Amino acid sequence: MPDISHQWGSDLLIGPTGDLATASATELGQQRVLRRLLTNANDYIWQLTYGAGLARLIGQPGSAIQIRALIRSQIFKEAAVARTPEPAIDVQVAPDNAPGTVYVHVRYVDAPTGQTQVLSFSLGA
């Protein structure tokens, strides 16, 4: 059974036949990685240890280093992420004109296809 295509923070999409759009294997992997990184621990009632909860680190001292480490520790819990080459994770804290915003760029290899995948998102206070 196919999975519904749904990116975090977006609406559901309609497919070409008028049904809900479904995700390809690669898209599903991206969705799962993003969901894991943005879900707070204890929020997923069927698996309380699921989720990185990145947003809780916004505004913390040393948050860029902590966010990068947390992403690295969580990303390999998804089967879609290949172990080698290691994912490239870039975390940038916004300048003073946008306090409380962090930009994240993750590049990893999709394990099933061997293709490079890129996730870019921002976290804000």
PDB file of N, CA and C in Angstrom:
ATOM      1  N   MET A   1       0.850  -1.181   0.000  1.00  0.00           N
ATOM      2  CA  MET A   1       0.000   0.000   0.000  1.00  0.00           C
ATOM      3  C   MET A   1       0.891   1.240   0.000  1.00  0.00           C
ATOM      4  N   PRO A   2       0.664   2.171  -0.915  1.00  0.00           N
ATOM      5  CA  PRO A   2       1.502   3.368  -0.984  1.00  0.00           C
ATOM      6  C   PRO A   2       1.254   4.303   0.196  1.00  0.00           C
ATOM      7  N   ASP A   3       2.263   5.091   0.508  1.00  0.00           N
ATOM      8  CA  ASP A   3       2.158   6.092   1.561  1.00  0.00           C
ATOM      9  C   ASP A   3       1.734   7.430   0.968  1.00  0.00           C
ATOM     10  N   ILE A   4       0.986   8.204   1.742  1.00  0.00           N
ATOM     11  CA  ILE A   4       0.551   9.536   1.321  1.00  0.00           C
ATOM     12  C   ILE A   4       1.758  10.467   1.298  1.00  0.00           C
ATOM     13  N   SER A   5       1.821  11.316   0.307  1.00  0.00           N
ATOM     14  CA  SER A   5       2.872  12.324   0.215  1.00  0.00           C
ATOM     15  C   SER A   5       2.490  13.504   1.101  1.00  0.00           C
ATOM     16  N   HIS A   6       3.345  13.799   2.070  1.00  0.00           N
ATOM     17  CA  HIS A   6       3.070  14.924   2.963  1.00  0.00           C
ATOM     18  C   HIS A   6       4.372  15.457   3.529  1.00  0.00           C
ATOM     19  N   GLN A   7       4.719  16.679   3.160  1.00  0.00           N
ATOM     20  CA  GLN A   7       5.894  17.323   3.721  1.00  0.00           C
ATOM     21  C   GLN A   7       5.493  18.084   4.976  1.00  0.00           C
ATOM     22  N   TRP A   8       6.339  18.057   5.967  1.00  0.00           N
ATOM     23  CA  TRP A   8       6.117  18.712   7.250  1.00  0.00           C
ATOM     24  C   TRP A   8       5.732  20.173   7.018  1.00  0.00           C
ATOM     25  N   GLY A   9       4.638  20.603   7.621  1.00  0.00           N
ATOM     26  CA  GLY A   9       4.206  21.988   7.534  1.00  0.00           C
ATOM     27  C   GLY A   9       3.456  22.350   6.266  1.00  0.00           C
ATOM     28  N   SER A  10       3.205  21.381   5.405  1.00  0.00           N
ATOM     29  CA  SER A  10       2.505  21.639   4.146  1.00  0.00           C
ATOM     30  C   SER A  10       1.156  20.933   4.135  1.00  0.00           C
ATOM     31  N   ASP A  11       0.337  21.297   3.176  1.00  0.00           N
ATOM     32  CA  ASP A  11      -0.948  20.632   2.992  1.00  0.00           C
ATOM     33  C   ASP A  11      -0.756  19.321   2.239  1.00  0.00           C
ATOM     34  N   LEU A  12      -1.741  18.458   2.329  1.00  0.00           N
ATOM     35  CA  LEU A  12      -1.744  17.251   1.508  1.00  0.00           C
ATOM     36  C   LEU A  12      -1.894  17.661   0.051  1.00  0.00           C
ATOM     37  N   LEU A  13      -1.370  16.853  -0.845  1.00  0.00           N
ATOM     38  CA  LEU A  13      -1.429  17.153  -2.274  1.00  0.00           C
ATOM     39  C   LEU A  13      -2.405  16.223  -2.975  1.00  0.00           C
ATOM     40  N   ILE A  14      -2.975  16.707  -4.057  1.00  0.00           N
ATOM     41  CA  ILE A  14      -3.871  15.902  -4.882  1.00  0.00           C
ATOM     42  C   ILE A  14      -3.053  15.321  -6.034  1.00  0.00           C
ATOM     43  N   GLY A  15      -3.215  14.031  -6.274  1.00  0.00           N
ATOM     44  CA  GLY A  15      -2.509  13.360  -7.360  1.00  0.00           C
ATOM     45  C   GLY A  15      -3.180  13.596  -8.698  1.00  0.00           C
ATOM     46  N   PRO A  16      -2.601  13.080  -9.774  1.00  0.00           N
ATOM     47  CA  PRO A  16      -3.130  13.311 -11.122  1.00  0.00           C
ATOM     48  C   PRO A  16      -4.520  12.729 -11.357  1.00  0.00           C
ATOM     49  N   THR A  17      -4.937  11.746 -10.549  1.00  0.00           N
ATOM     50  CA  THR A  17      -6.263  11.147 -10.729  1.00  0.00           C
ATOM     51  C   THR A  17      -7.303  11.727  -9.779  1.00  0.00           C
ATOM     52  N   GLY A  18      -6.908  12.741  -8.983  1.00  0.00           N
ATOM     53  CA  GLY A  18      -7.837  13.354  -8.045  1.00  0.00           C
ATOM     54  C   GLY A  18      -7.779  12.757  -6.652  1.00  0.00           C
ATOM     55  N   ASP A  19      -7.046  11.686  -6.472  1.00  0.00           N
ATOM     56  CA  ASP A  19      -6.847  11.094  -5.148  1.00  0.00           C
ATOM     57  C   ASP A  19      -5.711  11.827  -4.440  1.00  0.00           C
ATOM     58  N   LEU A  20      -5.498  11.468  -3.177  1.00  0.00           N
ATOM     59  CA  LEU A  20      -4.347  12.021  -2.477  1.00  0.00           C
ATOM     60  C   LEU A  20      -3.070  11.547  -3.159  1.00  0.00           C
ATOM     61  N   ALA A  21      -2.102  12.459  -3.282  1.00  0.00           N
ATOM     62  CA  ALA A  21      -0.826  12.113  -3.909  1.00  0.00           C
ATOM     63  C   ALA A  21      -0.077  11.128  -3.022  1.00  0.00           C
ATOM     64  N   THR A  22       0.629  10.217  -3.655  1.00  0.00           N
ATOM     65  CA  THR A  22       1.437   9.248  -2.914  1.00  0.00           C
ATOM     66  C   THR A  22       2.912   9.578  -3.094  1.00  0.00           C
ATOM     67  N   ALA A  23       3.715   9.097  -2.163  1.00  0.00           N
ATOM     68  CA  ALA A  23       5.147   9.376  -2.164  1.00  0.00           C
ATOM     69  C   ALA A  23       5.918   8.239  -2.812  1.00  0.00           C
ATOM     70  N   SER A  24       6.931   8.604  -3.589  1.00  0.00           N
ATOM     71  CA  SER A  24       7.855   7.595  -4.111  1.00  0.00           C
ATOM     72  C   SER A  24       8.722   7.120  -2.944  1.00  0.00           C
ATOM     73  N   ALA A  25       9.478   6.077  -3.144  1.00  0.00           N
ATOM     74  CA  ALA A  25      10.345   5.556  -2.082  1.00  0.00           C
ATOM     75  C   ALA A  25      11.327   6.623  -1.605  1.00  0.00           C
ATOM     76  N   THR A  26      11.880   7.385  -2.534  1.00  0.00           N
ATOM     77  CA  THR A  26      12.833   8.437  -2.176  1.00  0.00           C
ATOM     78  C   THR A  26      12.146   9.551  -1.395  1.00  0.00           C
ATOM     79  N   GLU A  27      10.980   9.994  -1.864  1.00  0.00           N
ATOM     80  CA  GLU A  27      10.232  11.039  -1.149  1.00  0.00           C
ATOM     81  C   GLU A  27       9.832  10.563   0.237  1.00  0.00           C
ATOM     82  N   LEU A  28       9.440   9.313   0.337  1.00  0.00           N
ATOM     83  CA  LEU A  28       9.054   8.766   1.630  1.00  0.00           C
ATOM     84  C   LEU A  28      10.235   8.799   2.595  1.00  0.00           C
ATOM     85  N   GLY A  29      11.413   8.471   2.110  1.00  0.00           N
ATOM     86  CA  GLY A  29      12.612   8.541   2.950  1.00  0.00           C
ATOM     87  C   GLY A  29      12.865   9.952   3.441  1.00  0.00           C
ATOM     88  N   GLN A  30      12.739  10.942   2.559  1.00  0.00           N
ATOM     89  CA  GLN A  30      12.917  12.342   2.952  1.00  0.00           C
ATOM     90  C   GLN A  30      11.891  12.750   4.001  1.00  0.00           C
ATOM     91  N   GLN A  31      10.642  12.361   3.778  1.00  0.00           N
ATOM     92  CA  GLN A  31       9.585  12.705   4.719  1.00  0.00           C
ATOM     93  C   GLN A  31       9.855  12.096   6.090  1.00  0.00           C
ATOM     94  N   ARG A  32      10.319  10.870   6.113  1.00  0.00           N
ATOM     95  CA  ARG A  32      10.584  10.202   7.390  1.00  0.00           C
ATOM     96  C   ARG A  32      11.756  10.845   8.128  1.00  0.00           C
ATOM     97  N   VAL A  33      12.804  11.208   7.399  1.00  0.00           N
ATOM     98  CA  VAL A  33      13.946  11.870   8.034  1.00  0.00           C
ATOM     99  C   VAL A  33      13.497  13.197   8.632  1.00  0.00           C
ATOM    100  N   LEU A  34      12.785  14.000   7.851  1.00  0.00           N
ATOM    101  CA  LEU A  34      12.334  15.302   8.329  1.00  0.00           C
ATOM    102  C   LEU A  34      11.391  15.157   9.519  1.00  0.00           C
ATOM    103  N   ARG A  35      10.469  14.207   9.451  1.00  0.00           N
ATOM    104  CA  ARG A  35       9.540  13.994  10.568  1.00  0.00           C
ATOM    105  C   ARG A  35      10.301  13.607  11.829  1.00  0.00           C
ATOM    106  N   ARG A  36      11.303  12.743  11.708  1.00  0.00           N
ATOM    107  CA  ARG A  36      12.088  12.334  12.874  1.00  0.00           C
ATOM    108  C   ARG A  36      12.814  13.528  13.487  1.00  0.00           C
ATOM    109  N   LEU A  37      13.397  14.375  12.650  1.00  0.00           N
ATOM    110  CA  LEU A  37      14.163  15.506  13.160  1.00  0.00           C
ATOM    111  C   LEU A  37      13.285  16.561  13.823  1.00  0.00           C
ATOM    112  N   LEU A  38      12.076  16.754  13.332  1.00  0.00           N
ATOM    113  CA  LEU A  38      11.222  17.827  13.842  1.00  0.00           C
ATOM    114  C   LEU A  38      10.240  17.388  14.924  1.00  0.00           C
ATOM    115  N   THR A  39      10.023  16.098  15.087  1.00  0.00           N
ATOM    116  CA  THR A  39       9.105  15.607  16.117  1.00  0.00           C
ATOM    117  C   THR A  39       9.797  15.629  17.475  1.00  0.00           C
ATOM    118  N   ASN A  40       9.097  16.137  18.479  1.00  0.00           N
ATOM    119  CA  ASN A  40       9.634  16.131  19.839  1.00  0.00           C
ATOM    120  C   ASN A  40       9.546  14.738  20.437  1.00  0.00           C
ATOM    121  N   ALA A  41      10.565  14.356  21.190  1.00  0.00           N
ATOM    122  CA  ALA A  41      10.490  13.103  21.930  1.00  0.00           C
ATOM    123  C   ALA A  41       9.267  13.168  22.844  1.00  0.00           C
ATOM    124  N   ASN A  42       8.611  12.066  23.045  1.00  0.00           N
ATOM    125  CA  ASN A  42       7.390  11.925  23.850  1.00  0.00           C
ATOM    126  C   ASN A  42       6.126  12.431  23.159  1.00  0.00           C
ATOM    127  N   ASP A  43       6.227  12.989  21.949  1.00  0.00           N
ATOM    128  CA  ASP A  43       5.034  13.450  21.235  1.00  0.00           C
ATOM    129  C   ASP A  43       4.381  12.354  20.400  1.00  0.00           C
ATOM    130  N   TYR A  44       5.137  11.351  20.027  1.00  0.00           N
ATOM    131  CA  TYR A  44       4.621  10.254  19.209  1.00  0.00           C
ATOM    132  C   TYR A  44       4.204   9.153  20.175  1.00  0.00           C
ATOM    133  N   ILE A  45       2.907   9.035  20.436  1.00  0.00           N
ATOM    134  CA  ILE A  45       2.436   8.210  21.553  1.00  0.00           C
ATOM    135  C   ILE A  45       2.701   6.720  21.395  1.00  0.00           C
ATOM    136  N   TRP A  46       2.963   6.262  20.172  1.00  0.00           N
ATOM    137  CA  TRP A  46       3.222   4.835  19.985  1.00  0.00           C
ATOM    138  C   TRP A  46       4.695   4.492  20.157  1.00  0.00           C
ATOM    139  N   GLN A  47       5.553   5.497  20.183  1.00  0.00           N
ATOM    140  CA  GLN A  47       6.985   5.272  20.369  1.00  0.00           C
ATOM    141  C   GLN A  47       7.556   6.522  21.029  1.00  0.00           C
ATOM    142  N   LEU A  48       7.585   6.546  22.333  1.00  0.00           N
ATOM    143  CA  LEU A  48       7.917   7.756  23.078  1.00  0.00           C
ATOM    144  C   LEU A  48       9.348   8.238  22.884  1.00  0.00           C
ATOM    145  N   THR A  49      10.263   7.369  22.480  1.00  0.00           N
ATOM    146  CA  THR A  49      11.645   7.799  22.268  1.00  0.00           C
ATOM    147  C   THR A  49      11.887   8.299  20.849  1.00  0.00           C
ATOM    148  N   TYR A  50      10.856   8.275  19.998  1.00  0.00           N
ATOM    149  CA  TYR A  50      10.984   8.714  18.608  1.00  0.00           C
ATOM    150  C   TYR A  50      11.097  10.229  18.555  1.00  0.00           C
ATOM    151  N   GLY A  51      11.993  10.736  17.748  1.00  0.00           N
ATOM    152  CA  GLY A  51      12.063  12.165  17.474  1.00  0.00           C
ATOM    153  C   GLY A  51      13.252  12.859  18.095  1.00  0.00           C
ATOM    154  N   ALA A  52      13.760  13.853  17.356  1.00  0.00           N
ATOM    155  CA  ALA A  52      14.908  14.629  17.814  1.00  0.00           C
ATOM    156  C   ALA A  52      14.484  15.908  18.527  1.00  0.00           C
ATOM    157  N   GLY A  53      13.368  16.492  18.134  1.00  0.00           N
ATOM    158  CA  GLY A  53      12.901  17.724  18.769  1.00  0.00           C
ATOM    159  C   GLY A  53      13.865  18.888  18.586  1.00  0.00           C
ATOM    160  N   LEU A  54      14.314  19.111  17.358  1.00  0.00           N
ATOM    161  CA  LEU A  54      15.316  20.148  17.106  1.00  0.00           C
ATOM    162  C   LEU A  54      14.894  21.533  17.587  1.00  0.00           C
ATOM    163  N   ALA A  55      13.633  21.856  17.471  1.00  0.00           N
ATOM    164  CA  ALA A  55      13.179  23.209  17.812  1.00  0.00           C
ATOM    165  C   ALA A  55      13.447  23.571  19.270  1.00  0.00           C
ATOM    166  N   ARG A  56      13.529  22.595  20.139  1.00  0.00           N
ATOM    167  CA  ARG A  56      13.760  22.907  21.559  1.00  0.00           C
ATOM    168  C   ARG A  56      15.154  23.466  21.817  1.00  0.00           C
ATOM    169  N   LEU A  57      16.065  23.344  20.855  1.00  0.00           N
ATOM    170  CA  LEU A  57      17.427  23.839  21.027  1.00  0.00           C
ATOM    171  C   LEU A  57      17.618  25.269  20.539  1.00  0.00           C
ATOM    172  N   ILE A  58      16.593  25.850  19.918  1.00  0.00           N
ATOM    173  CA  ILE A  58      16.706  27.217  19.418  1.00  0.00           C
ATOM    174  C   ILE A  58      16.939  28.162  20.588  1.00  0.00           C
ATOM    175  N   GLY A  59      17.930  29.040  20.436  1.00  0.00           N
ATOM    176  CA  GLY A  59      18.238  30.025  21.466  1.00  0.00           C
ATOM    177  C   GLY A  59      19.120  29.512  22.581  1.00  0.00           C
ATOM    178  N   GLN A  60      19.475  28.254  22.557  1.00  0.00           N
ATOM    179  CA  GLN A  60      20.360  27.689  23.571  1.00  0.00           C
ATOM    180  C   GLN A  60      21.810  28.035  23.230  1.00  0.00           C
ATOM    181  N   PRO A  61      22.652  28.248  24.238  1.00  0.00           N
ATOM    182  CA  PRO A  61      24.071  28.465  23.948  1.00  0.00           C
ATOM    183  C   PRO A  61      24.656  27.239  23.245  1.00  0.00           C
ATOM    184  N   GLY A  62      25.441  27.482  22.218  1.00  0.00           N
ATOM    185  CA  GLY A  62      26.054  26.384  21.480  1.00  0.00           C
ATOM    186  C   GLY A  62      25.074  25.570  20.678  1.00  0.00           C
ATOM    187  N   SER A  63      23.922  26.162  20.337  1.00  0.00           N
ATOM    188  CA  SER A  63      22.861  25.381  19.711  1.00  0.00           C
ATOM    189  C   SER A  63      23.249  24.807  18.354  1.00  0.00           C
ATOM    190  N   ALA A  64      24.057  25.498  17.555  1.00  0.00           N
ATOM    191  CA  ALA A  64      24.431  24.971  16.239  1.00  0.00           C
ATOM    192  C   ALA A  64      25.185  23.656  16.382  1.00  0.00           C
ATOM    193  N   ILE A  65      26.098  23.586  17.325  1.00  0.00           N
ATOM    194  CA  ILE A  65      26.864  22.357  17.561  1.00  0.00           C
ATOM    195  C   ILE A  65      25.943  21.255  18.075  1.00  0.00           C
ATOM    196  N   GLN A  66      25.062  21.593  18.998  1.00  0.00           N
ATOM    197  CA  GLN A  66      24.127  20.603  19.548  1.00  0.00           C
ATOM    198  C   GLN A  66      23.161  20.101  18.481  1.00  0.00           C
ATOM    199  N   ILE A  67      22.658  21.000  17.653  1.00  0.00           N
ATOM    200  CA  ILE A  67      21.713  20.612  16.605  1.00  0.00           C
ATOM    201  C   ILE A  67      22.389  19.671  15.617  1.00  0.00           C
ATOM    202  N   ARG A  68      23.610  19.989  15.215  1.00  0.00           N
ATOM    203  CA  ARG A  68      24.338  19.119  14.286  1.00  0.00           C
ATOM    204  C   ARG A  68      24.533  17.730  14.899  1.00  0.00           C
ATOM    205  N   ALA A  69      24.933  17.677  16.154  1.00  0.00           N
ATOM    206  CA  ALA A  69      25.147  16.386  16.822  1.00  0.00           C
ATOM    207  C   ALA A  69      23.842  15.604  16.944  1.00  0.00           C
ATOM    208  N   LEU A  70      22.765  16.292  17.251  1.00  0.00           N
ATOM    209  CA  LEU A  70      21.474  15.625  17.390  1.00  0.00           C
ATOM    210  C   LEU A  70      20.991  15.081  16.040  1.00  0.00           C
ATOM    211  N   ILE A  71      21.168  15.856  14.984  1.00  0.00           N
ATOM    212  CA  ILE A  71      20.796  15.375  13.649  1.00  0.00           C
ATOM    213  C   ILE A  71      21.593  14.126  13.320  1.00  0.00           C
ATOM    214  N   ARG A  72      22.898  14.172  13.561  1.00  0.00           N
ATOM    215  CA  ARG A  72      23.749  13.022  13.244  1.00  0.00           C
ATOM    216  C   ARG A  72      23.329  11.790  14.039  1.00  0.00           C
ATOM    217  N   SER A  73      22.958  11.972  15.291  1.00  0.00           N
ATOM    218  CA  SER A  73      22.571  10.824  16.121  1.00  0.00           C
ATOM    219  C   SER A  73      21.222  10.241  15.704  1.00  0.00           C
ATOM    220  N   GLN A  74      20.350  11.055  15.127  1.00  0.00           N
ATOM    221  CA  GLN A  74      19.006  10.606  14.771  1.00  0.00           C
ATOM    222  C   GLN A  74      18.876  10.126  13.327  1.00  0.00           C
ATOM    223  N   ILE A  75      19.654  10.690  12.421  1.00  0.00           N
ATOM    224  CA  ILE A  75      19.441  10.431  10.996  1.00  0.00           C
ATOM    225  C   ILE A  75      19.671   8.965  10.631  1.00  0.00           C
ATOM    226  N   PHE A  76      20.596   8.310  11.306  1.00  0.00           N
ATOM    227  CA  PHE A  76      20.877   6.906  10.984  1.00  0.00           C
ATOM    228  C   PHE A  76      19.805   5.955  11.507  1.00  0.00           C
ATOM    229  N   LYS A  77      18.854   6.458  12.248  1.00  0.00           N
ATOM    230  CA  LYS A  77      17.746   5.621  12.715  1.00  0.00           C
ATOM    231  C   LYS A  77      16.720   5.386  11.611  1.00  0.00           C
ATOM    232  N   GLU A  78      16.885   6.080  10.501  1.00  0.00           N
ATOM    233  CA  GLU A  78      16.006   5.888   9.346  1.00  0.00           C
ATOM    234  C   GLU A  78      16.703   4.997   8.327  1.00  0.00           C
ATOM    235  N   ALA A  79      16.024   3.959   7.888  1.00  0.00           N
ATOM    236  CA  ALA A  79      16.595   2.996   6.942  1.00  0.00           C
ATOM    237  C   ALA A  79      16.928   3.629   5.594  1.00  0.00           C
ATOM    238  N   ALA A  80      16.314   4.746   5.270  1.00  0.00           N
ATOM    239  CA  ALA A  80      16.555   5.400   3.980  1.00  0.00           C
ATOM    240  C   ALA A  80      17.926   6.057   3.895  1.00  0.00           C
ATOM    241  N   VAL A  81      18.591   6.251   5.022  1.00  0.00           N
ATOM    242  CA  VAL A  81      19.875   6.952   5.042  1.00  0.00           C
ATOM    243  C   VAL A  81      21.022   5.946   5.004  1.00  0.00           C
ATOM    244  N   ALA A  82      21.845   6.044   3.953  1.00  0.00           N
ATOM    245  CA  ALA A  82      23.006   5.162   3.830  1.00  0.00           C
ATOM    246  C   ALA A  82      24.066   5.540   4.869  1.00  0.00           C
ATOM    247  N   ARG A  83      24.768   4.560   5.372  1.00  0.00           N
ATOM    248  CA  ARG A  83      25.820   4.795   6.370  1.00  0.00           C
ATOM    249  C   ARG A  83      27.057   5.447   5.751  1.00  0.00           C
ATOM    250  N   THR A  84      27.332   5.093   4.488  1.00  0.00           N
ATOM    251  CA  THR A  84      28.465   5.697   3.793  1.00  0.00           C
ATOM    252  C   THR A  84      28.018   6.116   2.406  1.00  0.00           C
ATOM    253  N   PRO A  85      28.443   7.253   1.925  1.00  0.00           N
ATOM    254  CA  PRO A  85      29.247   8.223   2.651  1.00  0.00           C
ATOM    255  C   PRO A  85      28.423   8.880   3.758  1.00  0.00           C
ATOM    256  N   GLU A  86      29.117   9.351   4.748  1.00  0.00           N
ATOM    257  CA  GLU A  86      28.442   9.966   5.889  1.00  0.00           C
ATOM    258  C   GLU A  86      27.684  11.224   5.448  1.00  0.00           C
ATOM    259  N   PRO A  87      26.501  11.452   6.004  1.00  0.00           N
ATOM    260  CA  PRO A  87      25.736  12.653   5.650  1.00  0.00           C
ATOM    261  C   PRO A  87      26.515  13.935   5.967  1.00  0.00           C
ATOM    262  N   ALA A  88      26.333  14.938   5.126  1.00  0.00           N
ATOM    263  CA  ALA A  88      26.912  16.263   5.362  1.00  0.00           C
ATOM    264  C   ALA A  88      25.825  17.115   6.005  1.00  0.00           C
ATOM    265  N   ILE A  89      26.131  17.664   7.161  1.00  0.00           N
ATOM    266  CA  ILE A  89      25.148  18.433   7.926  1.00  0.00           C
ATOM    267  C   ILE A  89      25.704  19.826   8.170  1.00  0.00           C
ATOM    268  N   ASP A  90      24.988  20.837   7.703  1.00  0.00           N
ATOM    269  CA  ASP A  90      25.402  22.223   7.897  1.00  0.00           C
ATOM    270  C   ASP A  90      24.315  22.939   8.687  1.00  0.00           C
ATOM    271  N   VAL A  91      24.704  23.559   9.781  1.00  0.00           N
ATOM    272  CA  VAL A  91      23.766  24.290  10.634  1.00  0.00           C
ATOM    273  C   VAL A  91      24.281  25.715  10.769  1.00  0.00           C
ATOM    274  N   GLN A  92      23.450  26.682  10.414  1.00  0.00           N
ATOM    275  CA  GLN A  92      23.816  28.091  10.493  1.00  0.00           C
ATOM    276  C   GLN A  92      22.821  28.831  11.370  1.00  0.00           C
ATOM    277  N   VAL A  93      23.346  29.561  12.343  1.00  0.00           N
ATOM    278  CA  VAL A  93      22.497  30.400  13.187  1.00  0.00           C
ATOM    279  C   VAL A  93      22.348  31.734  12.478  1.00  0.00           C
ATOM    280  N   ALA A  94      21.122  32.229  12.412  1.00  0.00           N
ATOM    281  CA  ALA A  94      20.844  33.482  11.705  1.00  0.00           C
ATOM    282  C   ALA A  94      21.558  34.645  12.379  1.00  0.00           C
ATOM    283  N   PRO A  95      21.892  35.664  11.590  1.00  0.00           N
ATOM    284  CA  PRO A  95      22.504  36.857  12.173  1.00  0.00           C
ATOM    285  C   PRO A  95      21.520  37.582  13.081  1.00  0.00           C
ATOM    286  N   ASP A  96      22.001  38.636  13.699  1.00  0.00           N
ATOM    287  CA  ASP A  96      21.206  39.374  14.688  1.00  0.00           C
ATOM    288  C   ASP A  96      19.878  39.900  14.163  1.00  0.00           C
ATOM    289  N   ASN A  97      19.756  40.105  12.851  1.00  0.00           N
ATOM    290  CA  ASN A  97      18.493  40.655  12.343  1.00  0.00           C
ATOM    291  C   ASN A  97      17.374  39.616  12.310  1.00  0.00           C
ATOM    292  N   ALA A  98      17.688  38.357  12.566  1.00  0.00           N
ATOM    293  CA  ALA A  98      16.665  37.305  12.628  1.00  0.00           C
ATOM    294  C   ALA A  98      16.970  36.388  13.811  1.00  0.00           C
ATOM    295  N   PRO A  99      16.956  36.946  15.030  1.00  0.00           N
ATOM    296  CA  PRO A  99      17.334  36.128  16.179  1.00  0.00           C
ATOM    297  C   PRO A  99      16.391  34.943  16.363  1.00  0.00           C
ATOM    298  N   GLY A 100      16.954  33.844  16.804  1.00  0.00           N
ATOM    299  CA  GLY A 100      16.147  32.668  17.077  1.00  0.00           C
ATOM    300  C   GLY A 100      15.860  31.806  15.868  1.00  0.00           C
ATOM    301  N   THR A 101      16.506  32.084  14.739  1.00  0.00           N
ATOM    302  CA  THR A 101      16.298  31.273  13.545  1.00  0.00           C
ATOM    303  C   THR A 101      17.568  30.501  13.225  1.00  0.00           C
ATOM    304  N   VAL A 102      17.394  29.228  12.912  1.00  0.00           N
ATOM    305  CA  VAL A 102      18.510  28.360  12.551  1.00  0.00           C
ATOM    306  C   VAL A 102      18.184  27.729  11.204  1.00  0.00           C
ATOM    307  N   TYR A 103      19.161  27.722  10.310  1.00  0.00           N
ATOM    308  CA  TYR A 103      19.004  27.118   8.987  1.00  0.00           C
ATOM    309  C   TYR A 103      19.774  25.806   8.950  1.00  0.00           C
ATOM    310  N   VAL A 104      19.112  24.761   8.487  1.00  0.00           N
ATOM    311  CA  VAL A 104      19.704  23.426   8.459  1.00  0.00           C
ATOM    312  C   VAL A 104      19.719  22.919   7.019  1.00  0.00           C
ATOM    313  N   HIS A 105      20.856  22.357   6.631  1.00  0.00           N
ATOM    314  CA  HIS A 105      21.025  21.781   5.294  1.00  0.00           C
ATOM    315  C   HIS A 105      21.667  20.407   5.491  1.00  0.00           C
ATOM    316  N   VAL A 106      20.949  19.365   5.093  1.00  0.00           N
ATOM    317  CA  VAL A 106      21.432  17.993   5.259  1.00  0.00           C
ATOM    318  C   VAL A 106      21.513  17.337   3.887  1.00  0.00           C
ATOM    319  N   ARG A 107      22.667  16.762   3.599  1.00  0.00           N
ATOM    320  CA  ARG A 107      22.846  16.024   2.345  1.00  0.00           C
ATOM    321  C   ARG A 107      23.239  14.599   2.710  1.00  0.00           C
ATOM    322  N   TYR A 108      22.460  13.637   2.224  1.00  0.00           N
ATOM    323  CA  TYR A 108      22.724  12.233   2.522  1.00  0.00           C
ATOM    324  C   TYR A 108      22.458  11.395   1.282  1.00  0.00           C
ATOM    325  N   VAL A 109      22.916  10.150   1.319  1.00  0.00           N
ATOM    326  CA  VAL A 109      22.676   9.229   0.215  1.00  0.00           C
ATOM    327  C   VAL A 109      21.498   8.341   0.579  1.00  0.00           C
ATOM    328  N   ASP A 110      20.530   8.273  -0.333  1.00  0.00           N
ATOM    329  CA  ASP A 110      19.357   7.424  -0.156  1.00  0.00           C
ATOM    330  C   ASP A 110      19.798   5.965  -0.293  1.00  0.00           C
ATOM    331  N   ALA A 111      19.633   5.188   0.759  1.00  0.00           N
ATOM    332  CA  ALA A 111      20.116   3.801   0.768  1.00  0.00           C
ATOM    333  C   ALA A 111      19.508   2.944  -0.344  1.00  0.00           C
ATOM    334  N   PRO A 112      18.194   3.005  -0.587  1.00  0.00           N
ATOM    335  CA  PRO A 112      17.633   2.138  -1.632  1.00  0.00           C
ATOM    336  C   PRO A 112      18.092   2.477  -3.054  1.00  0.00           C
ATOM    337  N   THR A 113      18.300   3.771  -3.353  1.00  0.00           N
ATOM    338  CA  THR A 113      18.609   4.162  -4.733  1.00  0.00           C
ATOM    339  C   THR A 113      20.061   4.560  -4.959  1.00  0.00           C
ATOM    340  N   GLY A 114      20.778   4.926  -3.895  1.00  0.00           N
ATOM    341  CA  GLY A 114      22.151   5.405  -4.038  1.00  0.00           C
ATOM    342  C   GLY A 114      22.238   6.843  -4.509  1.00  0.00           C
ATOM    343  N   GLN A 115      21.101   7.537  -4.589  1.00  0.00           N
ATOM    344  CA  GLN A 115      21.078   8.927  -5.046  1.00  0.00           C
ATOM    345  C   GLN A 115      21.236   9.882  -3.870  1.00  0.00           C
ATOM    346  N   THR A 116      21.920  10.998  -4.121  1.00  0.00           N
ATOM    347  CA  THR A 116      22.092  12.018  -3.095  1.00  0.00           C
ATOM    348  C   THR A 116      20.775  12.757  -2.887  1.00  0.00           C
ATOM    349  N   GLN A 117      20.420  12.946  -1.637  1.00  0.00           N
ATOM    350  CA  GLN A 117      19.198  13.663  -1.270  1.00  0.00           C
ATOM    351  C   GLN A 117      19.582  14.887  -0.454  1.00  0.00           C
ATOM    352  N   VAL A 118      18.822  15.953  -0.598  1.00  0.00           N
ATOM    353  CA  VAL A 118      19.092  17.187   0.125  1.00  0.00           C
ATOM    354  C   VAL A 118      17.834  17.619   0.860  1.00  0.00           C
ATOM    355  N   LEU A 119      17.991  17.908   2.134  1.00  0.00           N
ATOM    356  CA  LEU A 119      16.910  18.475   2.941  1.00  0.00           C
ATOM    357  C   LEU A 119      17.385  19.827   3.449  1.00  0.00           C
ATOM    358  N   SER A 120      16.619  20.860   3.218  1.00  0.00           N
ATOM    359  CA  SER A 120      16.919  22.188   3.737  1.00  0.00           C
ATOM    360  C   SER A 120      15.671  22.706   4.425  1.00  0.00           C
ATOM    361  N   PHE A 121      15.850  23.196   5.637  1.00  0.00           N
ATOM    362  CA  PHE A 121      14.715  23.738   6.373  1.00  0.00           C
ATOM    363  C   PHE A 121      15.227  24.715   7.413  1.00  0.00           C
ATOM    364  N   SER A 122      14.321  25.521   7.933  1.00  0.00           N
ATOM    365  CA  SER A 122      14.690  26.464   8.982  1.00  0.00           C
ATOM    366  C   SER A 122      13.859  26.182  10.220  1.00  0.00           C
ATOM    367  N   LEU A 123      14.447  26.532  11.329  1.00  0.00           N
ATOM    368  CA  LEU A 123      13.781  26.409  12.623  1.00  0.00           C
ATOM    369  C   LEU A 123      13.729  27.802  13.214  1.00  0.00           C
ATOM    370  N   GLY A 124      12.586  28.206  13.708  1.00  0.00           N
ATOM    371  CA  GLY A 124      12.472  29.540  14.258  1.00  0.00           C
ATOM    372  C   GLY A 124      11.854  29.542  15.628  1.00  0.00           C
ATOM    373  N   ALA A 125      12.167  30.594  16.375  1.00  0.00           N
ATOM    374  CA  ALA A 125      11.628  30.728  17.729  1.00  0.00           C
ATOM    375  C   ALA A 125      10.193  31.172  17.683  1.00  0.00           C
TER     376      ALA A 125
END
